[in-house]
Amino acid sequence: MHPLVELAKNTIETYVREGRTIDPPKPILPEMVKKAGVFVSLKKHGQLRGCIGTYMPQCENIALEIIKNAIAAATQDYRFSPVEKDELGDIVYSVDVLSPSEKVKKIDELDPKKYGVIVVSGYRKGLLLPDIEGVDTVEDQLRIAKLKAGILPQEETEIFRFEVARYK
């Protein structure tokens, strides 16, 4: 298991079992030092069980970003009830570290397998990670991102793209 995924797993297991937040590993690993947006995803029996993240870093390094978002993915994803102790053995973890986003000028600059998207209309923002099962077209990706943000299909939006380094 990659150290980033191991950190997410240890964070969630400790939080769910003991109610406490772990500290980052010491010494902090090189891949955890920089600042970046991070998403932590949980799956149970192949189905999404939680996913929370930040596209702009909120913490001083990736390790702290993973710890914060792992706990949120397990306990604060509004689509799911909090993860319980008896589920921990069934959960599969992944961590996506996001590149900085860049504005898209034309739709043909997108590829749902390679790039995630952020759609923005006023204060509303919707984000969809890349390479999601069942999301095969740019149109699907943009439609889902708009839906998540409460943006109507015909509304004008600014579109940004980003890449991820995905760890499982």
N, C-alpha and C. Protein backbone atom coordinates (compact mmCIF):
# COMPACT_ATOMS: atom_id res chain seq x y z
N MET A 1 0.85 -1.18 0.00
CA MET A 1 0.00 0.00 0.00
C MET A 1 0.90 1.25 0.00
N HIS A 2 0.57 2.20 -0.86
CA HIS A 2 1.35 3.43 -0.96
C HIS A 2 1.25 4.20 0.37
N PRO A 3 2.33 4.87 0.79
CA PRO A 3 2.31 5.61 2.07
C PRO A 3 1.18 6.64 2.19
N LEU A 4 0.78 7.28 1.09
CA LEU A 4 -0.33 8.25 1.17
C LEU A 4 -1.64 7.54 1.50
N VAL A 5 -1.85 6.38 0.90
CA VAL A 5 -3.06 5.60 1.15
C VAL A 5 -3.02 5.02 2.57
N GLU A 6 -1.85 4.58 2.97
CA GLU A 6 -1.69 4.05 4.33
C GLU A 6 -2.01 5.12 5.37
N LEU A 7 -1.60 6.36 5.11
CA LEU A 7 -1.91 7.46 6.02
C LEU A 7 -3.42 7.67 6.10
N ALA A 8 -4.11 7.66 4.96
CA ALA A 8 -5.57 7.83 4.95
C ALA A 8 -6.24 6.70 5.73
N LYS A 9 -5.82 5.48 5.48
CA LYS A 9 -6.39 4.31 6.17
C LYS A 9 -6.16 4.38 7.67
N ASN A 10 -4.92 4.65 8.08
CA ASN A 10 -4.62 4.74 9.51
C ASN A 10 -5.39 5.88 10.18
N THR A 11 -5.53 6.99 9.46
CA THR A 11 -6.29 8.13 9.99
C THR A 11 -7.73 7.73 10.28
N ILE A 12 -8.37 7.12 9.29
CA ILE A 12 -9.79 6.76 9.44
C ILE A 12 -9.97 5.68 10.49
N GLU A 13 -9.13 4.66 10.47
CA GLU A 13 -9.28 3.58 11.44
C GLU A 13 -9.10 4.09 12.87
N THR A 14 -8.11 4.94 13.08
CA THR A 14 -7.89 5.50 14.42
C THR A 14 -9.05 6.39 14.83
N TYR A 15 -9.52 7.21 13.92
CA TYR A 15 -10.61 8.14 14.24
C TYR A 15 -11.90 7.38 14.55
N VAL A 16 -12.23 6.38 13.73
CA VAL A 16 -13.48 5.64 13.93
C VAL A 16 -13.40 4.78 15.19
N ARG A 17 -12.26 4.15 15.45
CA ARG A 17 -12.14 3.26 16.61
C ARG A 17 -11.93 4.02 17.92
N GLU A 18 -11.14 5.11 17.88
CA GLU A 18 -10.71 5.76 19.12
C GLU A 18 -11.19 7.20 19.25
N GLY A 19 -11.73 7.77 18.17
CA GLY A 19 -12.21 9.15 18.23
C GLY A 19 -11.10 10.19 18.30
N ARG A 20 -9.90 9.81 17.89
CA ARG A 20 -8.81 10.79 17.93
C ARG A 20 -8.17 10.93 16.56
N THR A 21 -7.56 12.10 16.36
CA THR A 21 -6.88 12.43 15.11
C THR A 21 -5.39 12.14 15.26
N ILE A 22 -4.84 11.39 14.31
CA ILE A 22 -3.42 11.06 14.37
C ILE A 22 -2.57 12.23 13.90
N ASP A 23 -1.30 12.17 14.23
CA ASP A 23 -0.32 13.15 13.75
C ASP A 23 0.31 12.62 12.47
N PRO A 24 0.84 13.51 11.64
CA PRO A 24 1.56 13.06 10.44
C PRO A 24 2.77 12.21 10.85
N PRO A 25 3.23 11.34 9.94
CA PRO A 25 4.41 10.54 10.27
C PRO A 25 5.62 11.43 10.48
N LYS A 26 6.53 10.96 11.34
CA LYS A 26 7.78 11.68 11.58
C LYS A 26 8.92 10.71 11.32
N PRO A 27 9.89 11.04 10.52
CA PRO A 27 9.92 12.28 9.74
C PRO A 27 8.87 12.22 8.63
N ILE A 28 8.43 13.38 8.19
CA ILE A 28 7.43 13.44 7.13
C ILE A 28 8.07 12.97 5.83
N LEU A 29 7.39 12.11 5.11
CA LEU A 29 7.92 11.55 3.87
C LEU A 29 8.00 12.62 2.78
N PRO A 30 8.97 12.51 1.86
CA PRO A 30 9.13 13.53 0.81
C PRO A 30 7.85 13.79 0.01
N GLU A 31 7.07 12.75 -0.29
CA GLU A 31 5.86 12.94 -1.10
C GLU A 31 4.72 13.59 -0.32
N MET A 32 4.94 13.86 0.97
CA MET A 32 3.91 14.49 1.81
C MET A 32 4.25 15.92 2.19
N VAL A 33 5.39 16.43 1.73
CA VAL A 33 5.88 17.73 2.19
C VAL A 33 5.21 18.91 1.50
N LYS A 34 5.00 18.83 0.18
CA LYS A 34 4.49 20.01 -0.54
C LYS A 34 3.01 20.27 -0.22
N LYS A 35 2.51 21.40 -0.69
CA LYS A 35 1.11 21.76 -0.53
C LYS A 35 0.38 21.38 -1.82
N ALA A 36 -0.81 20.78 -1.68
CA ALA A 36 -1.63 20.44 -2.84
C ALA A 36 -3.03 20.11 -2.36
N GLY A 37 -3.98 20.27 -3.28
CA GLY A 37 -5.32 19.78 -3.01
C GLY A 37 -5.29 18.26 -3.01
N VAL A 38 -6.14 17.66 -2.18
CA VAL A 38 -6.16 16.20 -2.02
C VAL A 38 -7.61 15.74 -1.87
N PHE A 39 -7.94 14.65 -2.54
CA PHE A 39 -9.22 13.98 -2.33
C PHE A 39 -8.96 12.59 -1.76
N VAL A 40 -9.75 12.21 -0.77
CA VAL A 40 -9.70 10.87 -0.21
C VAL A 40 -11.03 10.21 -0.56
N SER A 41 -10.95 9.05 -1.21
CA SER A 41 -12.15 8.30 -1.62
C SER A 41 -12.18 6.96 -0.91
N LEU A 42 -13.38 6.57 -0.50
CA LEU A 42 -13.60 5.29 0.16
C LEU A 42 -14.59 4.49 -0.67
N LYS A 43 -14.28 3.22 -0.88
CA LYS A 43 -15.22 2.33 -1.56
C LYS A 43 -15.44 1.10 -0.68
N LYS A 44 -16.66 0.61 -0.73
CA LYS A 44 -17.04 -0.59 0.01
C LYS A 44 -17.74 -1.51 -0.97
N HIS A 45 -17.20 -2.69 -1.16
CA HIS A 45 -17.74 -3.65 -2.12
C HIS A 45 -17.90 -3.03 -3.51
N GLY A 46 -16.92 -2.22 -3.91
CA GLY A 46 -16.90 -1.61 -5.23
C GLY A 46 -17.77 -0.37 -5.39
N GLN A 47 -18.50 0.00 -4.35
CA GLN A 47 -19.39 1.16 -4.41
C GLN A 47 -18.82 2.31 -3.58
N LEU A 48 -19.00 3.54 -4.07
CA LEU A 48 -18.53 4.70 -3.33
C LEU A 48 -19.13 4.70 -1.93
N ARG A 49 -18.29 4.96 -0.93
CA ARG A 49 -18.74 5.01 0.48
C ARG A 49 -18.45 6.37 1.12
N GLY A 50 -17.64 7.17 0.42
CA GLY A 50 -17.33 8.52 0.90
C GLY A 50 -16.24 9.12 0.04
N CYS A 51 -16.32 10.42 -0.18
CA CYS A 51 -15.29 11.11 -0.96
C CYS A 51 -15.35 12.59 -0.59
N ILE A 52 -14.26 13.07 -0.03
CA ILE A 52 -14.16 14.49 0.34
C ILE A 52 -12.76 14.96 -0.02
N GLY A 53 -12.68 16.19 -0.47
CA GLY A 53 -11.37 16.70 -0.79
C GLY A 53 -11.36 18.20 -0.95
N THR A 54 -10.18 18.68 -1.26
CA THR A 54 -9.96 20.10 -1.47
C THR A 54 -9.19 20.26 -2.78
N TYR A 55 -9.63 21.20 -3.62
CA TYR A 55 -8.89 21.42 -4.87
C TYR A 55 -7.82 22.48 -4.67
N MET A 56 -8.01 23.31 -3.64
CA MET A 56 -6.98 24.26 -3.23
C MET A 56 -6.51 23.81 -1.85
N PRO A 57 -5.21 23.73 -1.63
CA PRO A 57 -4.75 23.25 -0.33
C PRO A 57 -5.22 24.13 0.82
N GLN A 58 -5.65 23.47 1.89
CA GLN A 58 -6.10 24.16 3.10
C GLN A 58 -5.10 24.01 4.24
N CYS A 59 -4.15 23.08 4.07
CA CYS A 59 -3.20 22.76 5.13
C CYS A 59 -1.78 23.03 4.65
N GLU A 60 -0.83 22.96 5.57
CA GLU A 60 0.55 23.31 5.23
C GLU A 60 1.27 22.24 4.43
N ASN A 61 0.72 21.02 4.38
CA ASN A 61 1.35 19.97 3.57
C ASN A 61 0.35 18.88 3.23
N ILE A 62 0.75 17.99 2.33
CA ILE A 62 -0.13 16.91 1.86
C ILE A 62 -0.51 15.98 3.00
N ALA A 63 0.40 15.71 3.92
CA ALA A 63 0.08 14.81 5.03
C ALA A 63 -1.10 15.34 5.85
N LEU A 64 -1.06 16.60 6.22
CA LEU A 64 -2.17 17.19 6.99
C LEU A 64 -3.44 17.27 6.15
N GLU A 65 -3.30 17.52 4.86
CA GLU A 65 -4.46 17.57 3.96
C GLU A 65 -5.15 16.19 3.91
N ILE A 66 -4.34 15.13 3.83
CA ILE A 66 -4.89 13.77 3.82
C ILE A 66 -5.61 13.48 5.13
N ILE A 67 -5.00 13.81 6.26
CA ILE A 67 -5.61 13.53 7.56
C ILE A 67 -6.97 14.23 7.68
N LYS A 68 -7.00 15.51 7.33
CA LYS A 68 -8.24 16.30 7.41
C LYS A 68 -9.32 15.72 6.49
N ASN A 69 -8.95 15.45 5.24
CA ASN A 69 -9.94 14.99 4.27
C ASN A 69 -10.34 13.53 4.47
N ALA A 70 -9.46 12.72 5.02
CA ALA A 70 -9.81 11.33 5.31
C ALA A 70 -10.91 11.27 6.37
N ILE A 71 -10.74 12.04 7.43
CA ILE A 71 -11.76 12.06 8.48
C ILE A 71 -13.08 12.58 7.92
N ALA A 72 -13.01 13.62 7.11
CA ALA A 72 -14.23 14.18 6.51
C ALA A 72 -14.90 13.16 5.57
N ALA A 73 -14.10 12.44 4.78
CA ALA A 73 -14.67 11.44 3.86
C ALA A 73 -15.39 10.34 4.62
N ALA A 74 -14.87 9.98 5.78
CA ALA A 74 -15.46 8.90 6.58
C ALA A 74 -16.65 9.36 7.43
N THR A 75 -16.71 10.66 7.73
CA THR A 75 -17.72 11.11 8.70
C THR A 75 -18.63 12.24 8.24
N GLN A 76 -18.26 12.96 7.15
CA GLN A 76 -19.00 14.17 6.81
C GLN A 76 -19.51 14.22 5.38
N ASP A 77 -19.36 13.15 4.61
CA ASP A 77 -19.92 13.14 3.25
C ASP A 77 -21.43 13.04 3.39
N TYR A 78 -22.15 14.09 3.02
CA TYR A 78 -23.59 14.17 3.24
C TYR A 78 -24.37 13.06 2.56
N ARG A 79 -23.76 12.40 1.59
CA ARG A 79 -24.45 11.33 0.86
C ARG A 79 -24.50 10.02 1.63
N PHE A 80 -23.70 9.91 2.69
CA PHE A 80 -23.56 8.65 3.42
C PHE A 80 -23.58 8.88 4.93
N SER A 81 -23.98 7.85 5.66
CA SER A 81 -23.84 7.90 7.11
C SER A 81 -22.37 7.72 7.46
N PRO A 82 -21.94 8.16 8.64
CA PRO A 82 -20.54 8.00 9.02
C PRO A 82 -20.11 6.52 9.01
N VAL A 83 -18.86 6.28 8.66
CA VAL A 83 -18.31 4.93 8.65
C VAL A 83 -18.30 4.40 10.09
N GLU A 84 -18.67 3.13 10.22
CA GLU A 84 -18.70 2.49 11.54
C GLU A 84 -17.59 1.46 11.65
N LYS A 85 -17.25 1.10 12.88
CA LYS A 85 -16.14 0.18 13.14
C LYS A 85 -16.26 -1.12 12.36
N ASP A 86 -17.47 -1.69 12.30
CA ASP A 86 -17.62 -2.99 11.65
C ASP A 86 -17.45 -2.94 10.13
N GLU A 87 -17.36 -1.75 9.55
CA GLU A 87 -17.15 -1.60 8.10
C GLU A 87 -15.68 -1.50 7.72
N LEU A 88 -14.82 -1.19 8.66
CA LEU A 88 -13.44 -0.84 8.35
C LEU A 88 -12.73 -1.90 7.53
N GLY A 89 -12.99 -3.18 7.77
CA GLY A 89 -12.33 -4.25 7.03
C GLY A 89 -12.76 -4.34 5.57
N ASP A 90 -13.88 -3.72 5.23
CA ASP A 90 -14.42 -3.79 3.86
C ASP A 90 -14.08 -2.56 3.01
N ILE A 91 -13.43 -1.58 3.60
CA ILE A 91 -13.21 -0.32 2.88
C ILE A 91 -11.88 -0.35 2.13
N VAL A 92 -11.95 0.12 0.89
CA VAL A 92 -10.77 0.28 0.04
C VAL A 92 -10.56 1.79 -0.13
N TYR A 93 -9.33 2.22 0.04
CA TYR A 93 -9.00 3.64 0.07
C TYR A 93 -8.24 4.05 -1.19
N SER A 94 -8.45 5.29 -1.62
CA SER A 94 -7.59 5.88 -2.64
C SER A 94 -7.40 7.36 -2.31
N VAL A 95 -6.26 7.88 -2.74
CA VAL A 95 -5.90 9.27 -2.49
C VAL A 95 -5.51 9.89 -3.83
N ASP A 96 -6.13 11.01 -4.16
CA ASP A 96 -5.80 11.77 -5.37
C ASP A 96 -5.14 13.07 -4.95
N VAL A 97 -3.93 13.31 -5.45
CA VAL A 97 -3.24 14.58 -5.23
C VAL A 97 -3.40 15.40 -6.50
N LEU A 98 -3.98 16.58 -6.38
CA LEU A 98 -4.34 17.40 -7.53
C LEU A 98 -3.22 18.34 -7.95
N SER A 99 -3.09 18.50 -9.27
CA SER A 99 -2.22 19.54 -9.79
C SER A 99 -2.97 20.87 -9.68
N PRO A 100 -2.27 22.00 -9.76
CA PRO A 100 -2.99 23.27 -9.82
C PRO A 100 -3.92 23.29 -11.05
N SER A 101 -5.08 23.91 -10.90
CA SER A 101 -6.03 23.95 -12.02
C SER A 101 -5.64 25.04 -13.02
N GLU A 102 -6.08 24.84 -14.26
CA GLU A 102 -5.85 25.83 -15.32
C GLU A 102 -7.15 26.04 -16.08
N LYS A 103 -7.37 27.29 -16.49
CA LYS A 103 -8.60 27.64 -17.19
C LYS A 103 -8.61 27.00 -18.58
N VAL A 104 -9.79 26.51 -18.96
CA VAL A 104 -9.98 25.88 -20.27
C VAL A 104 -10.62 26.89 -21.20
N LYS A 105 -10.03 27.06 -22.36
CA LYS A 105 -10.59 28.00 -23.34
C LYS A 105 -11.56 27.31 -24.29
N LYS A 106 -11.26 26.05 -24.63
CA LYS A 106 -12.12 25.30 -25.56
C LYS A 106 -12.36 23.91 -24.99
N ILE A 107 -13.57 23.40 -25.23
CA ILE A 107 -13.98 22.09 -24.71
C ILE A 107 -13.04 20.98 -25.17
N ASP A 108 -12.45 21.12 -26.35
CA ASP A 108 -11.58 20.04 -26.85
C ASP A 108 -10.26 19.95 -26.07
N GLU A 109 -10.07 20.84 -25.09
CA GLU A 109 -8.91 20.73 -24.20
C GLU A 109 -9.18 19.76 -23.05
N LEU A 110 -10.39 19.22 -22.98
CA LEU A 110 -10.77 18.32 -21.90
C LEU A 110 -10.69 16.87 -22.35
N ASP A 111 -10.47 15.99 -21.40
CA ASP A 111 -10.48 14.54 -21.60
C ASP A 111 -10.83 13.93 -20.25
N PRO A 112 -12.03 13.33 -20.12
CA PRO A 112 -12.48 12.86 -18.80
C PRO A 112 -11.62 11.74 -18.20
N LYS A 113 -10.81 11.10 -19.02
CA LYS A 113 -9.91 10.06 -18.49
C LYS A 113 -8.64 10.69 -17.91
N LYS A 114 -8.22 11.82 -18.47
CA LYS A 114 -6.96 12.45 -18.06
C LYS A 114 -7.16 13.61 -17.08
N TYR A 115 -8.20 14.44 -17.31
CA TYR A 115 -8.38 15.66 -16.53
C TYR A 115 -9.66 15.61 -15.70
N GLY A 116 -9.56 16.13 -14.48
CA GLY A 116 -10.74 16.45 -13.71
C GLY A 116 -11.19 17.84 -14.12
N VAL A 117 -12.41 18.20 -13.74
CA VAL A 117 -12.94 19.52 -14.11
C VAL A 117 -13.51 20.22 -12.89
N ILE A 118 -13.44 21.55 -12.97
CA ILE A 118 -14.12 22.42 -12.02
C ILE A 118 -14.96 23.36 -12.87
N VAL A 119 -16.26 23.41 -12.60
CA VAL A 119 -17.13 24.36 -13.30
C VAL A 119 -17.55 25.43 -12.29
N VAL A 120 -17.56 26.67 -12.73
CA VAL A 120 -17.83 27.80 -11.84
C VAL A 120 -18.88 28.70 -12.48
N SER A 121 -19.90 29.04 -11.71
CA SER A 121 -20.89 30.04 -12.11
C SER A 121 -21.20 30.85 -10.87
N GLY A 122 -20.70 32.09 -10.84
CA GLY A 122 -20.87 32.92 -9.63
C GLY A 122 -20.15 32.28 -8.48
N TYR A 123 -20.88 32.07 -7.37
CA TYR A 123 -20.28 31.47 -6.17
C TYR A 123 -20.38 29.94 -6.18
N ARG A 124 -21.06 29.38 -7.17
CA ARG A 124 -21.26 27.93 -7.22
C ARG A 124 -20.12 27.26 -7.98
N LYS A 125 -19.61 26.18 -7.39
CA LYS A 125 -18.51 25.43 -7.99
C LYS A 125 -18.82 23.95 -7.90
N GLY A 126 -18.56 23.25 -8.99
CA GLY A 126 -18.69 21.80 -8.98
C GLY A 126 -17.41 21.18 -9.49
N LEU A 127 -16.98 20.11 -8.86
CA LEU A 127 -15.74 19.45 -9.22
C LEU A 127 -16.00 17.98 -9.47
N LEU A 128 -15.35 17.44 -10.49
CA LEU A 128 -15.41 16.01 -10.76
C LEU A 128 -14.00 15.53 -11.06
N LEU A 129 -13.59 14.51 -10.34
CA LEU A 129 -12.27 13.93 -10.55
C LEU A 129 -12.20 13.24 -11.91
N PRO A 130 -11.00 13.02 -12.43
CA PRO A 130 -10.88 12.32 -13.71
C PRO A 130 -11.01 10.81 -13.55
N ASP A 131 -11.21 10.16 -14.68
CA ASP A 131 -11.17 8.71 -14.78
C ASP A 131 -12.12 8.03 -13.80
N ILE A 132 -13.38 8.49 -13.83
CA ILE A 132 -14.42 7.90 -12.99
C ILE A 132 -15.19 6.90 -13.84
N GLU A 133 -15.40 5.73 -13.29
CA GLU A 133 -16.13 4.68 -14.00
C GLU A 133 -17.51 5.19 -14.41
N GLY A 134 -17.85 5.00 -15.69
CA GLY A 134 -19.15 5.41 -16.21
C GLY A 134 -19.18 6.84 -16.74
N VAL A 135 -18.11 7.60 -16.54
CA VAL A 135 -18.03 8.96 -17.07
C VAL A 135 -17.03 8.92 -18.23
N ASP A 136 -17.59 8.75 -19.43
CA ASP A 136 -16.74 8.49 -20.60
C ASP A 136 -16.62 9.65 -21.57
N THR A 137 -17.49 10.65 -21.43
CA THR A 137 -17.45 11.77 -22.37
C THR A 137 -17.28 13.09 -21.61
N VAL A 138 -16.77 14.09 -22.32
CA VAL A 138 -16.64 15.44 -21.75
C VAL A 138 -18.01 15.96 -21.36
N GLU A 139 -19.01 15.69 -22.20
CA GLU A 139 -20.38 16.16 -21.92
C GLU A 139 -20.90 15.59 -20.60
N ASP A 140 -20.68 14.28 -20.38
CA ASP A 140 -21.09 13.65 -19.12
C ASP A 140 -20.38 14.30 -17.94
N GLN A 141 -19.08 14.49 -18.09
CA GLN A 141 -18.27 15.05 -17.02
C GLN A 141 -18.76 16.45 -16.65
N LEU A 142 -18.99 17.30 -17.63
CA LEU A 142 -19.46 18.66 -17.37
C LEU A 142 -20.87 18.66 -16.80
N ARG A 143 -21.73 17.79 -17.31
CA ARG A 143 -23.12 17.71 -16.81
C ARG A 143 -23.13 17.34 -15.33
N ILE A 144 -22.34 16.34 -14.96
CA ILE A 144 -22.30 15.89 -13.56
C ILE A 144 -21.70 16.97 -12.66
N ALA A 145 -20.63 17.61 -13.12
CA ALA A 145 -20.01 18.68 -12.32
C ALA A 145 -20.99 19.83 -12.10
N LYS A 146 -21.73 20.21 -13.15
CA LYS A 146 -22.73 21.27 -13.02
C LYS A 146 -23.83 20.85 -12.05
N LEU A 147 -24.29 19.62 -12.16
CA LEU A 147 -25.34 19.11 -11.28
C LEU A 147 -24.89 19.19 -9.82
N LYS A 148 -23.65 18.79 -9.55
CA LYS A 148 -23.13 18.84 -8.18
C LYS A 148 -23.13 20.26 -7.64
N ALA A 149 -22.96 21.25 -8.51
CA ALA A 149 -22.88 22.65 -8.08
C ALA A 149 -24.25 23.34 -8.09
N GLY A 150 -25.26 22.66 -8.58
CA GLY A 150 -26.56 23.30 -8.71
C GLY A 150 -26.62 24.31 -9.84
N ILE A 151 -25.80 24.07 -10.87
CA ILE A 151 -25.75 24.94 -12.04
C ILE A 151 -26.63 24.31 -13.13
N LEU A 152 -27.55 25.11 -13.67
CA LEU A 152 -28.43 24.61 -14.72
C LEU A 152 -27.63 24.31 -15.99
N PRO A 153 -28.08 23.32 -16.79
CA PRO A 153 -27.32 22.92 -17.99
C PRO A 153 -27.01 24.07 -18.94
N GLN A 154 -27.94 25.02 -19.11
CA GLN A 154 -27.75 26.09 -20.08
C GLN A 154 -26.97 27.28 -19.52
N GLU A 155 -26.69 27.29 -18.21
CA GLU A 155 -25.97 28.43 -17.62
C GLU A 155 -24.53 28.49 -18.12
N GLU A 156 -24.06 29.72 -18.29
CA GLU A 156 -22.66 29.94 -18.66
C GLU A 156 -21.77 29.60 -17.47
N THR A 157 -20.65 28.97 -17.76
CA THR A 157 -19.70 28.63 -16.70
C THR A 157 -18.29 28.88 -17.17
N GLU A 158 -17.42 29.09 -16.20
CA GLU A 158 -16.00 29.02 -16.45
C GLU A 158 -15.60 27.57 -16.17
N ILE A 159 -14.68 27.05 -16.96
CA ILE A 159 -14.26 25.66 -16.79
C ILE A 159 -12.76 25.64 -16.56
N PHE A 160 -12.37 24.86 -15.57
CA PHE A 160 -10.96 24.65 -15.25
C PHE A 160 -10.69 23.16 -15.29
N ARG A 161 -9.46 22.80 -15.59
CA ARG A 161 -9.08 21.39 -15.59
C ARG A 161 -7.87 21.20 -14.69
N PHE A 162 -7.71 19.97 -14.25
CA PHE A 162 -6.55 19.61 -13.42
C PHE A 162 -6.25 18.13 -13.63
N GLU A 163 -5.05 17.74 -13.30
CA GLU A 163 -4.67 16.35 -13.34
C GLU A 163 -4.50 15.85 -11.91
N VAL A 164 -4.51 14.53 -11.74
CA VAL A 164 -4.29 13.96 -10.42
C VAL A 164 -3.21 12.89 -10.49
N ALA A 165 -2.55 12.73 -9.38
CA ALA A 165 -1.73 11.54 -9.16
C ALA A 165 -2.58 10.69 -8.22
N ARG A 166 -3.03 9.52 -8.71
CA ARG A 166 -3.94 8.66 -7.95
C ARG A 166 -3.15 7.53 -7.30
N TYR A 167 -3.37 7.39 -6.02
CA TYR A 167 -2.70 6.33 -5.25
C TYR A 167 -3.76 5.40 -4.68
N LYS A 168 -3.52 4.10 -4.83
CA LYS A 168 -4.47 3.09 -4.32
C LYS A 168 -3.76 2.15 -3.38
